[in-house]
């Protein structure tokens, strides 16, 4: 017991400095003017300078103006007594962007616990985690084959479109598209060719709509187009939807040379016009779906009579 150190003796400054130099994070302190007072070895290596070269400088000496301003804003929150946790994107050499999680806390004066005299910061590189997070988000909201939004994201966008339509009093619409005879294409050419065709279909649909409109693949050979800001007048909005639907059908009813120079495949379409939030997303999509199947039945009957 005599050899055991009394923990009440505490840890001296040199021991604390050594410990912080081995922390796998960027640790630093700033004064009330956001000038650096201390940084651990990892932080100094990030800046590429010695501690003597760092002391007294602010972030403007190491970061582009926009980044330095962002860091200064976070400092100000801490200097006003608020602990913060914010993500900061920093562009490194070669244009590589990295994401850091900045945790900052106010440092209070020893003699006055109400006076903030500086900022204690801990920063961690979370670029890899953000990349994985983005992959998970994409997997949850995007169609893996075409890169288009999936059904889940369609419903989210449709709800937002309803709210915007409610405020602007302008009509929106969905166009439900289903490819005719797609099963026969897969049976004849194989699923690999079918996938190639679906990718081309997605691109052709995107080419026929505005940037503010959304194109979604909700599964199989079914696509949905969400049109916003059409018109306050219902008849004008309806005419606009019909024109867009016809443009898409015409674009799809063209040869697909990568599959077969002579091959074409038509699509059936159904439209549902709406304004505001009077109807649910499910009701809007169901109406468009039903009208699409009516169109498909008419096309099938026309082919049989021919």
C-alpha atoms as a PDB file:
ATOM      1  CA  UNK A   1       0.000   0.000   0.000  1.00  0.00           C
ATOM      2  CA  UNK A   2       2.926   2.337   0.652  1.00  0.00           C
ATOM      3  CA  UNK A   3       3.965   2.173  -3.021  1.00  0.00           C
ATOM      4  CA  UNK A   4       0.514   3.015  -4.271  1.00  0.00           C
ATOM      5  CA  UNK A   5       0.240   6.638  -5.325  1.00  0.00           C
ATOM      6  CA  UNK A   6      -2.361   8.743  -3.546  1.00  0.00           C
ATOM      7  CA  UNK A   7      -4.907   9.647  -6.250  1.00  0.00           C
ATOM      8  CA  UNK A   8      -5.597  12.883  -4.412  1.00  0.00           C
ATOM      9  CA  UNK A   9      -2.258  14.206  -5.618  1.00  0.00           C
ATOM     10  CA  UNK A  10      -3.919  14.599  -9.008  1.00  0.00           C
ATOM     11  CA  UNK A  11      -2.398  14.788 -12.483  1.00  0.00           C
ATOM     12  CA  UNK A  12       0.080  17.521 -13.318  1.00  0.00           C
ATOM     13  CA  UNK A  13       0.043  19.627 -16.486  1.00  0.00           C
ATOM     14  CA  UNK A  14       2.746  17.625 -18.228  1.00  0.00           C
ATOM     15  CA  UNK A  15       0.920  14.368 -17.663  1.00  0.00           C
ATOM     16  CA  UNK A  16      -2.305  15.903 -18.962  1.00  0.00           C
ATOM     17  CA  UNK A  17      -0.516  17.204 -22.045  1.00  0.00           C
ATOM     18  CA  UNK A  18       0.997  13.778 -22.703  1.00  0.00           C
ATOM     19  CA  UNK A  19      -2.412  12.138 -22.367  1.00  0.00           C
ATOM     20  CA  UNK A  20      -4.065  14.586 -24.750  1.00  0.00           C
ATOM     21  CA  UNK A  21      -1.295  14.044 -27.305  1.00  0.00           C
ATOM     22  CA  UNK A  22      -2.339  10.386 -27.465  1.00  0.00           C
ATOM     23  CA  UNK A  23      -6.054  11.098 -27.890  1.00  0.00           C
ATOM     24  CA  UNK A  24      -7.271  10.085 -31.361  1.00  0.00           C
ATOM     25  CA  UNK A  25      -9.043  13.402 -31.842  1.00  0.00           C
ATOM     26  CA  UNK A  26      -8.122  17.037 -32.418  1.00  0.00           C
ATOM     27  CA  UNK A  27      -8.079  18.840 -29.053  1.00  0.00           C
ATOM     28  CA  UNK A  28      -7.578  22.587 -28.683  1.00  0.00           C
ATOM     29  CA  UNK A  29      -8.300  25.661 -26.598  1.00  0.00           C
ATOM     30  CA  UNK A  30      -8.990  29.226 -27.692  1.00  0.00           C
ATOM     31  CA  UNK A  31      -9.290  32.514 -25.852  1.00  0.00           C
ATOM     32  CA  UNK A  32     -12.282  34.865 -25.915  1.00  0.00           C
ATOM     33  CA  UNK A  33     -11.110  36.279 -29.271  1.00  0.00           C
ATOM     34  CA  UNK A  34     -10.954  32.787 -30.831  1.00  0.00           C
ATOM     35  CA  UNK A  35      -7.152  32.783 -30.806  1.00  0.00           C
ATOM     36  CA  UNK A  36      -5.456  29.463 -30.182  1.00  0.00           C
ATOM     37  CA  UNK A  37      -3.972  28.891 -26.740  1.00  0.00           C
ATOM     38  CA  UNK A  38      -3.272  25.175 -27.037  1.00  0.00           C
ATOM     39  CA  UNK A  39      -3.501  22.248 -29.467  1.00  0.00           C
ATOM     40  CA  UNK A  40      -2.517  18.610 -29.063  1.00  0.00           C
ATOM     41  CA  UNK A  41      -0.055  16.901 -31.412  1.00  0.00           C
ATOM     42  CA  UNK A  42      -2.773  15.629 -33.736  1.00  0.00           C
ATOM     43  CA  UNK A  43      -4.112  19.161 -34.175  1.00  0.00           C
ATOM     44  CA  UNK A  44      -0.652  20.605 -34.755  1.00  0.00           C
ATOM     45  CA  UNK A  45       0.032  17.948 -37.394  1.00  0.00           C
ATOM     46  CA  UNK A  46      -3.258  18.869 -39.069  1.00  0.00           C
ATOM     47  CA  UNK A  47      -2.162  22.510 -39.263  1.00  0.00           C
ATOM     48  CA  UNK A  48       1.431  21.597 -40.136  1.00  0.00           C
ATOM     49  CA  UNK A  49       2.970  23.930 -37.567  1.00  0.00           C
ATOM     50  CA  UNK A  50       4.559  23.971 -34.127  1.00  0.00           C
ATOM     51  CA  UNK A  51       2.761  25.022 -30.961  1.00  0.00           C
ATOM     52  CA  UNK A  52       4.800  28.249 -30.897  1.00  0.00           C
ATOM     53  CA  UNK A  53       3.667  29.033 -34.444  1.00  0.00           C
ATOM     54  CA  UNK A  54       0.036  28.307 -33.572  1.00  0.00           C
ATOM     55  CA  UNK A  55      -0.397  30.281 -30.340  1.00  0.00           C
ATOM     56  CA  UNK A  56      -2.161  33.599 -30.893  1.00  0.00           C
ATOM     57  CA  UNK A  57      -3.433  32.779 -34.379  1.00  0.00           C
ATOM     58  CA  UNK A  58      -7.081  32.272 -35.311  1.00  0.00           C
ATOM     59  CA  UNK A  59      -8.722  29.994 -37.882  1.00  0.00           C
ATOM     60  CA  UNK A  60      -8.311  32.549 -40.673  1.00  0.00           C
ATOM     61  CA  UNK A  61      -4.602  31.629 -40.715  1.00  0.00           C
ATOM     62  CA  UNK A  62      -5.363  28.000 -41.581  1.00  0.00           C
ATOM     63  CA  UNK A  63      -8.708  27.794 -43.371  1.00  0.00           C
ATOM     64  CA  UNK A  64     -10.470  29.432 -46.336  1.00  0.00           C
ATOM     65  CA  UNK A  65     -12.585  32.475 -45.363  1.00  0.00           C
ATOM     66  CA  UNK A  66     -15.935  30.637 -45.474  1.00  0.00           C
ATOM     67  CA  UNK A  67     -14.676  27.800 -43.256  1.00  0.00           C
ATOM     68  CA  UNK A  68     -13.001  30.215 -40.828  1.00  0.00           C
ATOM     69  CA  UNK A  69     -16.249  32.184 -40.573  1.00  0.00           C
ATOM     70  CA  UNK A  70     -18.205  28.992 -39.855  1.00  0.00           C
ATOM     71  CA  UNK A  71     -15.776  27.996 -37.090  1.00  0.00           C
ATOM     72  CA  UNK A  72     -15.932  31.513 -35.664  1.00  0.00           C
ATOM     73  CA  UNK A  73     -19.733  31.298 -35.498  1.00  0.00           C
ATOM     74  CA  UNK A  74     -19.502  28.059 -33.532  1.00  0.00           C
ATOM     75  CA  UNK A  75     -16.927  29.658 -31.207  1.00  0.00           C
ATOM     76  CA  UNK A  76     -19.331  32.510 -30.523  1.00  0.00           C
ATOM     77  CA  UNK A  77     -22.009  30.097 -29.350  1.00  0.00           C
ATOM     78  CA  UNK A  78     -19.564  28.533 -26.900  1.00  0.00           C
ATOM     79  CA  UNK A  79     -18.386  31.968 -25.763  1.00  0.00           C
ATOM     80  CA  UNK A  80     -22.007  32.746 -24.939  1.00  0.00           C
ATOM     81  CA  UNK A  81     -22.122  29.738 -22.640  1.00  0.00           C
ATOM     82  CA  UNK A  82     -23.573  27.111 -24.964  1.00  0.00           C
ATOM     83  CA  UNK A  83     -22.033  23.686 -25.558  1.00  0.00           C
ATOM     84  CA  UNK A  84     -22.174  22.900 -29.280  1.00  0.00           C
ATOM     85  CA  UNK A  85     -22.019  19.867 -31.539  1.00  0.00           C
ATOM     86  CA  UNK A  86     -21.847  20.675 -35.244  1.00  0.00           C
ATOM     87  CA  UNK A  87     -20.520  19.171 -38.460  1.00  0.00           C
ATOM     88  CA  UNK A  88     -17.990  21.158 -40.465  1.00  0.00           C
ATOM     89  CA  UNK A  89     -16.889  20.372 -44.023  1.00  0.00           C
ATOM     90  CA  UNK A  90     -13.259  21.194 -44.738  1.00  0.00           C
ATOM     91  CA  UNK A  91     -11.668  21.092 -48.187  1.00  0.00           C
ATOM     92  CA  UNK A  92      -8.132  19.745 -48.186  1.00  0.00           C
ATOM     93  CA  UNK A  93      -5.470  19.777 -50.872  1.00  0.00           C
ATOM     94  CA  UNK A  94      -6.634  18.482 -54.230  1.00  0.00           C
ATOM     95  CA  UNK A  95     -10.230  19.452 -53.525  1.00  0.00           C
ATOM     96  CA  UNK A  96     -10.841  16.486 -51.193  1.00  0.00           C
ATOM     97  CA  UNK A  97     -13.631  17.299 -48.746  1.00  0.00           C
ATOM     98  CA  UNK A  98     -13.620  15.942 -45.232  1.00  0.00           C
ATOM     99  CA  UNK A  99     -16.321  16.122 -42.582  1.00  0.00           C
ATOM    100  CA  UNK A 100     -15.493  16.846 -38.956  1.00  0.00           C
ATOM    101  CA  UNK A 101     -17.684  16.708 -35.870  1.00  0.00           C
ATOM    102  CA  UNK A 102     -16.842  19.733 -33.715  1.00  0.00           C
ATOM    103  CA  UNK A 103     -17.660  19.600 -29.997  1.00  0.00           C
ATOM    104  CA  UNK A 104     -17.074  22.917 -28.232  1.00  0.00           C
ATOM    105  CA  UNK A 105     -17.672  23.956 -24.657  1.00  0.00           C
ATOM    106  CA  UNK A 106     -17.246  27.262 -22.824  1.00  0.00           C
ATOM    107  CA  UNK A 107     -14.271  27.666 -20.476  1.00  0.00           C
ATOM    108  CA  UNK A 108     -15.061  29.672 -17.351  1.00  0.00           C
ATOM    109  CA  UNK A 109     -12.748  31.858 -15.268  1.00  0.00           C
ATOM    110  CA  UNK A 110     -11.503  30.265 -12.039  1.00  0.00           C
ATOM    111  CA  UNK A 111     -12.293  33.348 -10.019  1.00  0.00           C
ATOM    112  CA  UNK A 112     -15.686  33.956 -11.658  1.00  0.00           C
ATOM    113  CA  UNK A 113     -17.702  30.867 -12.686  1.00  0.00           C
ATOM    114  CA  UNK A 114     -20.099  33.058 -14.694  1.00  0.00           C
ATOM    115  CA  UNK A 115     -17.393  34.575 -16.924  1.00  0.00           C
ATOM    116  CA  UNK A 116     -16.531  32.719 -20.149  1.00  0.00           C
ATOM    117  CA  UNK A 117     -12.874  33.232 -21.001  1.00  0.00           C
ATOM    118  CA  UNK A 118     -12.370  30.732 -23.782  1.00  0.00           C
ATOM    119  CA  UNK A 119     -13.397  27.667 -25.757  1.00  0.00           C
ATOM    120  CA  UNK A 120     -12.440  24.023 -25.350  1.00  0.00           C
ATOM    121  CA  UNK A 121     -12.815  22.054 -28.562  1.00  0.00           C
ATOM    122  CA  UNK A 122     -12.622  18.429 -29.623  1.00  0.00           C
ATOM    123  CA  UNK A 123     -12.890  17.613 -33.317  1.00  0.00           C
ATOM    124  CA  UNK A 124     -13.181  14.178 -34.938  1.00  0.00           C
ATOM    125  CA  UNK A 125     -12.886  13.226 -38.599  1.00  0.00           C
ATOM    126  CA  UNK A 126     -16.184  11.512 -39.451  1.00  0.00           C
ATOM    127  CA  UNK A 127     -15.743  11.472 -43.244  1.00  0.00           C
ATOM    128  CA  UNK A 128     -15.876   7.675 -43.437  1.00  0.00           C
ATOM    129  CA  UNK A 129     -18.927   7.499 -41.195  1.00  0.00           C
ATOM    130  CA  UNK A 130     -20.708  10.137 -43.290  1.00  0.00           C
ATOM    131  CA  UNK A 131     -19.896   8.169 -46.432  1.00  0.00           C
ATOM    132  CA  UNK A 132     -21.435   5.053 -44.904  1.00  0.00           C
ATOM    133  CA  UNK A 133     -24.420   7.092 -43.734  1.00  0.00           C
ATOM    134  CA  UNK A 134     -24.945   8.437 -47.246  1.00  0.00           C
ATOM    135  CA  UNK A 135     -24.750   4.916 -48.657  1.00  0.00           C
ATOM    136  CA  UNK A 136     -27.405   3.760 -46.201  1.00  0.00           C
ATOM    137  CA  UNK A 137     -29.631   6.723 -47.051  1.00  0.00           C
ATOM    138  CA  UNK A 138     -29.210   6.031 -50.760  1.00  0.00           C
ATOM    139  CA  UNK A 139     -30.033   2.362 -50.252  1.00  0.00           C
ATOM    140  CA  UNK A 140     -33.174   3.320 -48.356  1.00  0.00           C
ATOM    141  CA  UNK A 141     -34.381   6.014 -50.749  1.00  0.00           C
ATOM    142  CA  UNK A 142     -33.000   5.187 -54.216  1.00  0.00           C
ATOM    143  CA  UNK A 143     -33.624   2.485 -56.772  1.00  0.00           C
ATOM    144  CA  UNK A 144     -30.359   0.574 -57.056  1.00  0.00           C
ATOM    145  CA  UNK A 145     -30.664  -0.094 -60.791  1.00  0.00           C
ATOM    146  CA  UNK A 146     -31.630   3.315 -62.203  1.00  0.00           C
ATOM    147  CA  UNK A 147     -30.522   5.649 -59.417  1.00  0.00           C
ATOM    148  CA  UNK A 148     -34.007   7.155 -59.344  1.00  0.00           C
ATOM    149  CA  UNK A 149     -35.850   7.810 -56.078  1.00  0.00           C
ATOM    150  CA  UNK A 150     -37.834   4.803 -54.865  1.00  0.00           C
ATOM    151  CA  UNK A 151     -41.379   4.530 -53.525  1.00  0.00           C
ATOM    152  CA  UNK A 152     -40.390   5.667 -50.052  1.00  0.00           C
ATOM    153  CA  UNK A 153     -38.848   8.877 -51.336  1.00  0.00           C
ATOM    154  CA  UNK A 154     -41.766   9.396 -53.726  1.00  0.00           C
ATOM    155  CA  UNK A 155     -44.197   9.469 -50.812  1.00  0.00           C
ATOM    156  CA  UNK A 156     -42.021  11.991 -48.977  1.00  0.00           C
ATOM    157  CA  UNK A 157     -41.770  14.221 -52.041  1.00  0.00           C
ATOM    158  CA  UNK A 158     -45.469  13.883 -52.738  1.00  0.00           C
ATOM    159  CA  UNK A 159     -46.326  15.060 -49.222  1.00  0.00           C
ATOM    160  CA  UNK A 160     -44.007  18.056 -49.612  1.00  0.00           C
ATOM    161  CA  UNK A 161     -45.524  18.852 -53.017  1.00  0.00           C
ATOM    162  CA  UNK A 162     -48.993  18.847 -51.461  1.00  0.00           C
ATOM    163  CA  UNK A 163     -47.906  21.361 -48.826  1.00  0.00           C
ATOM    164  CA  UNK A 164     -46.260  23.635 -51.396  1.00  0.00           C
ATOM    165  CA  UNK A 165     -49.348  23.368 -53.571  1.00  0.00           C
ATOM    166  CA  UNK A 166     -51.522  24.312 -50.592  1.00  0.00           C
ATOM    167  CA  UNK A 167     -49.496  27.497 -50.105  1.00  0.00           C
ATOM    168  CA  UNK A 168     -49.161  28.471 -53.775  1.00  0.00           C
ATOM    169  CA  UNK A 169     -52.660  27.377 -54.856  1.00  0.00           C
ATOM    170  CA  UNK A 170     -51.155  25.760 -57.943  1.00  0.00           C
ATOM    171  CA  UNK A 171     -51.993  22.288 -59.228  1.00  0.00           C
ATOM    172  CA  UNK A 172     -49.649  19.314 -59.162  1.00  0.00           C
ATOM    173  CA  UNK A 173     -49.985  15.913 -60.786  1.00  0.00           C
ATOM    174  CA  UNK A 174     -48.609  12.413 -60.843  1.00  0.00           C
ATOM    175  CA  UNK A 175     -48.208  10.378 -64.015  1.00  0.00           C
ATOM    176  CA  UNK A 176     -48.202   6.615 -63.445  1.00  0.00           C
ATOM    177  CA  UNK A 177     -46.307   4.770 -66.189  1.00  0.00           C
ATOM    178  CA  UNK A 178     -46.203   1.050 -66.897  1.00  0.00           C
ATOM    179  CA  UNK A 179     -44.197  -0.498 -69.733  1.00  0.00           C
ATOM    180  CA  UNK A 180     -46.207  -2.621 -72.152  1.00  0.00           C
ATOM    181  CA  UNK A 181     -44.975  -6.157 -72.812  1.00  0.00           C
ATOM    182  CA  UNK A 182     -41.905  -5.800 -70.607  1.00  0.00           C
ATOM    183  CA  UNK A 183     -42.176  -9.441 -69.514  1.00  0.00           C
ATOM    184  CA  UNK A 184     -41.878 -10.542 -73.134  1.00  0.00           C
ATOM    185  CA  UNK A 185     -38.717  -8.460 -73.492  1.00  0.00           C
ATOM    186  CA  UNK A 186     -37.150 -10.219 -70.490  1.00  0.00           C
ATOM    187  CA  UNK A 187     -38.239 -13.617 -71.789  1.00  0.00           C
ATOM    188  CA  UNK A 188     -36.857 -12.922 -75.251  1.00  0.00           C
ATOM    189  CA  UNK A 189     -33.599 -11.088 -74.490  1.00  0.00           C
ATOM    190  CA  UNK A 190     -32.863 -11.946 -70.846  1.00  0.00           C
ATOM    191  CA  UNK A 191     -32.944  -9.949 -67.631  1.00  0.00           C
ATOM    192  CA  UNK A 192     -29.588  -8.293 -68.323  1.00  0.00           C
ATOM    193  CA  UNK A 193     -31.023  -6.660 -71.432  1.00  0.00           C
ATOM    194  CA  UNK A 194     -34.176  -5.854 -69.478  1.00  0.00           C
ATOM    195  CA  UNK A 195     -32.096  -3.977 -66.893  1.00  0.00           C
ATOM    196  CA  UNK A 196     -30.318  -2.058 -69.650  1.00  0.00           C
ATOM    197  CA  UNK A 197     -33.701  -1.124 -71.056  1.00  0.00           C
ATOM    198  CA  UNK A 198     -34.990   0.104 -67.673  1.00  0.00           C
ATOM    199  CA  UNK A 199     -31.922   2.331 -67.245  1.00  0.00           C
ATOM    200  CA  UNK A 200     -32.530   3.818 -70.693  1.00  0.00           C
ATOM    201  CA  UNK A 201     -36.234   4.281 -69.924  1.00  0.00           C
ATOM    202  CA  UNK A 202     -35.371   6.180 -66.740  1.00  0.00           C
ATOM    203  CA  UNK A 203     -33.062   8.506 -68.669  1.00  0.00           C
ATOM    204  CA  UNK A 204     -35.595   9.146 -71.406  1.00  0.00           C
ATOM    205  CA  UNK A 205     -38.285  10.042 -68.874  1.00  0.00           C
ATOM    206  CA  UNK A 206     -35.931  12.424 -67.074  1.00  0.00           C
ATOM    207  CA  UNK A 207     -35.140  14.109 -70.380  1.00  0.00           C
ATOM    208  CA  UNK A 208     -38.813  14.994 -70.873  1.00  0.00           C
ATOM    209  CA  UNK A 209     -39.473  16.699 -67.521  1.00  0.00           C
ATOM    210  CA  UNK A 210     -38.222  19.806 -65.750  1.00  0.00           C
ATOM    211  CA  UNK A 211     -35.525  19.840 -63.089  1.00  0.00           C
ATOM    212  CA  UNK A 212     -38.103  20.609 -60.409  1.00  0.00           C
ATOM    213  CA  UNK A 213     -40.133  17.506 -61.319  1.00  0.00           C
ATOM    214  CA  UNK A 214     -39.430  14.075 -59.820  1.00  0.00           C
ATOM    215  CA  UNK A 215     -39.099  10.765 -61.642  1.00  0.00           C
ATOM    216  CA  UNK A 216     -39.427   7.633 -59.513  1.00  0.00           C
ATOM    217  CA  UNK A 217     -39.151   3.926 -60.175  1.00  0.00           C
ATOM    218  CA  UNK A 218     -41.496   2.264 -57.712  1.00  0.00           C
ATOM    219  CA  UNK A 219     -40.718  -1.298 -58.775  1.00  0.00           C
ATOM    220  CA  UNK A 220     -40.501  -3.606 -61.774  1.00  0.00           C
ATOM    221  CA  UNK A 221     -41.463  -1.697 -64.908  1.00  0.00           C
ATOM    222  CA  UNK A 222     -43.515   0.957 -63.098  1.00  0.00           C
ATOM    223  CA  UNK A 223     -42.470   4.604 -62.959  1.00  0.00           C
ATOM    224  CA  UNK A 224     -44.128   7.663 -61.454  1.00  0.00           C
ATOM    225  CA  UNK A 225     -43.546  11.275 -62.472  1.00  0.00           C
ATOM    226  CA  UNK A 226     -44.442  14.046 -60.012  1.00  0.00           C
ATOM    227  CA  UNK A 227     -45.143  17.420 -61.625  1.00  0.00           C
ATOM    228  CA  UNK A 228     -45.319  20.591 -59.535  1.00  0.00           C
ATOM    229  CA  UNK A 229     -46.315  24.215 -60.072  1.00  0.00           C
ATOM    230  CA  UNK A 230     -48.465  23.570 -63.132  1.00  0.00           C
ATOM    231  CA  UNK A 231     -51.128  26.270 -62.995  1.00  0.00           C
ATOM    232  CA  UNK A 232     -53.784  27.766 -60.759  1.00  0.00           C
ATOM    233  CA  UNK A 233     -56.308  26.993 -63.479  1.00  0.00           C
ATOM    234  CA  UNK A 234     -57.385  23.351 -63.436  1.00  0.00           C
ATOM    235  CA  UNK A 235     -58.032  23.006 -67.166  1.00  0.00           C
ATOM    236  CA  UNK A 236     -54.641  24.518 -68.041  1.00  0.00           C
ATOM    237  CA  UNK A 237     -52.940  22.249 -65.534  1.00  0.00           C
ATOM    238  CA  UNK A 238     -54.724  19.196 -66.983  1.00  0.00           C
ATOM    239  CA  UNK A 239     -53.599  20.118 -70.504  1.00  0.00           C
ATOM    240  CA  UNK A 240     -50.011  20.513 -69.293  1.00  0.00           C
ATOM    241  CA  UNK A 241     -50.063  17.071 -67.692  1.00  0.00           C
ATOM    242  CA  UNK A 242     -51.443  15.491 -70.866  1.00  0.00           C
ATOM    243  CA  UNK A 243     -48.699  17.122 -72.947  1.00  0.00           C
ATOM    244  CA  UNK A 244     -45.959  15.872 -70.635  1.00  0.00           C
ATOM    245  CA  UNK A 245     -47.419  12.362 -70.542  1.00  0.00           C
ATOM    246  CA  UNK A 246     -47.601  12.263 -74.326  1.00  0.00           C
ATOM    247  CA  UNK A 247     -44.010  13.497 -74.645  1.00  0.00           C
ATOM    248  CA  UNK A 248     -42.845  10.698 -72.367  1.00  0.00           C
ATOM    249  CA  UNK A 249     -44.834   8.048 -74.258  1.00  0.00           C
ATOM    250  CA  UNK A 250     -43.425   9.337 -77.567  1.00  0.00           C
ATOM    251  CA  UNK A 251     -39.881   9.244 -76.163  1.00  0.00           C
ATOM    252  CA  UNK A 252     -40.302   5.652 -75.047  1.00  0.00           C
ATOM    253  CA  UNK A 253     -41.927   4.623 -78.310  1.00  0.00           C
ATOM    254  CA  UNK A 254     -38.612   5.031 -80.157  1.00  0.00           C
ATOM    255  CA  UNK A 255     -35.988   2.435 -81.155  1.00  0.00           C
ATOM    256  CA  UNK A 256     -33.541   1.217 -78.530  1.00  0.00           C
ATOM    257  CA  UNK A 257     -30.399   0.606 -80.585  1.00  0.00           C
ATOM    258  CA  UNK A 258     -28.406  -0.828 -77.673  1.00  0.00           C
ATOM    259  CA  UNK A 259     -30.953  -3.645 -77.448  1.00  0.00           C
ATOM    260  CA  UNK A 260     -32.071  -4.052 -81.035  1.00  0.00           C
ATOM    261  CA  UNK A 261     -32.134  -1.337 -83.756  1.00  0.00           C
ATOM    262  CA  UNK A 262     -35.674  -2.386 -84.630  1.00  0.00           C
ATOM    263  CA  UNK A 263     -36.976  -2.819 -81.102  1.00  0.00           C
ATOM    264  CA  UNK A 264     -39.526  -0.427 -79.584  1.00  0.00           C
ATOM    265  CA  UNK A 265     -41.646  -0.795 -76.480  1.00  0.00           C
ATOM    266  CA  UNK A 266     -44.631   1.366 -75.663  1.00  0.00           C
ATOM    267  CA  UNK A 267     -45.879   2.523 -72.269  1.00  0.00           C
ATOM    268  CA  UNK A 268     -49.278   3.107 -70.744  1.00  0.00           C
ATOM    269  CA  UNK A 269     -49.938   6.190 -68.626  1.00  0.00           C
ATOM    270  CA  UNK A 270     -52.486   7.413 -66.129  1.00  0.00           C
ATOM    271  CA  UNK A 271     -52.631  10.883 -64.585  1.00  0.00           C
ATOM    272  CA  UNK A 272     -54.000  12.281 -61.343  1.00  0.00           C
ATOM    273  CA  UNK A 273     -54.309  16.024 -60.804  1.00  0.00           C
ATOM    274  CA  UNK A 274     -54.384  17.485 -57.302  1.00  0.00           C
ATOM    275  CA  UNK A 275     -54.064  20.696 -55.353  1.00  0.00           C
ATOM    276  CA  UNK A 276     -53.303  21.003 -51.666  1.00  0.00           C
ATOM    277  CA  UNK A 277     -53.831  18.266 -49.124  1.00  0.00           C
ATOM    278  CA  UNK A 278     -57.491  17.371 -49.670  1.00  0.00           C
ATOM    279  CA  UNK A 279     -56.543  13.824 -50.681  1.00  0.00           C
ATOM    280  CA  UNK A 280     -53.990  11.426 -49.270  1.00  0.00           C
ATOM    281  CA  UNK A 281     -50.895  10.358 -51.193  1.00  0.00           C
ATOM    282  CA  UNK A 282     -52.335   6.862 -51.469  1.00  0.00           C
ATOM    283  CA  UNK A 283     -55.556   8.151 -53.029  1.00  0.00           C
ATOM    284  CA  UNK A 284     -53.678  10.248 -55.578  1.00  0.00           C
ATOM    285  CA  UNK A 285     -51.456   7.352 -56.617  1.00  0.00           C
ATOM    286  CA  UNK A 286     -54.367   4.907 -56.703  1.00  0.00           C
ATOM    287  CA  UNK A 287     -56.300   7.160 -59.079  1.00  0.00           C
ATOM    288  CA  UNK A 288     -53.330   7.495 -61.423  1.00  0.00           C
ATOM    289  CA  UNK A 289     -52.724   3.739 -61.231  1.00  0.00           C
ATOM    290  CA  UNK A 290     -56.332   2.942 -62.115  1.00  0.00           C
ATOM    291  CA  UNK A 291     -56.275   5.329 -65.077  1.00  0.00           C
ATOM    292  CA  UNK A 292     -53.023   3.784 -66.259  1.00  0.00           C
ATOM    293  CA  UNK A 293     -54.601   0.321 -66.285  1.00  0.00           C
ATOM    294  CA  UNK A 294     -57.586   1.697 -68.199  1.00  0.00           C
ATOM    295  CA  UNK A 295     -55.138   3.033 -70.769  1.00  0.00           C
ATOM    296  CA  UNK A 296     -53.328  -0.319 -70.864  1.00  0.00           C
ATOM    297  CA  UNK A 297     -56.604  -2.196 -71.478  1.00  0.00           C
ATOM    298  CA  UNK A 298     -57.473   0.151 -74.335  1.00  0.00           C
ATOM    299  CA  UNK A 299     -54.049  -0.365 -75.898  1.00  0.00           C
ATOM    300  CA  UNK A 300     -54.355  -4.142 -75.578  1.00  0.00           C
ATOM    301  CA  UNK A 301     -57.820  -4.078 -77.143  1.00  0.00           C
ATOM    302  CA  UNK A 302     -56.526  -1.903 -79.972  1.00  0.00           C
ATOM    303  CA  UNK A 303     -53.710  -4.346 -80.698  1.00  0.00           C
ATOM    304  CA  UNK A 304     -56.131  -7.271 -80.750  1.00  0.00           C
ATOM    305  CA  UNK A 305     -58.567  -5.508 -83.098  1.00  0.00           C
ATOM    306  CA  UNK A 306     -55.685  -4.649 -85.416  1.00  0.00           C
END
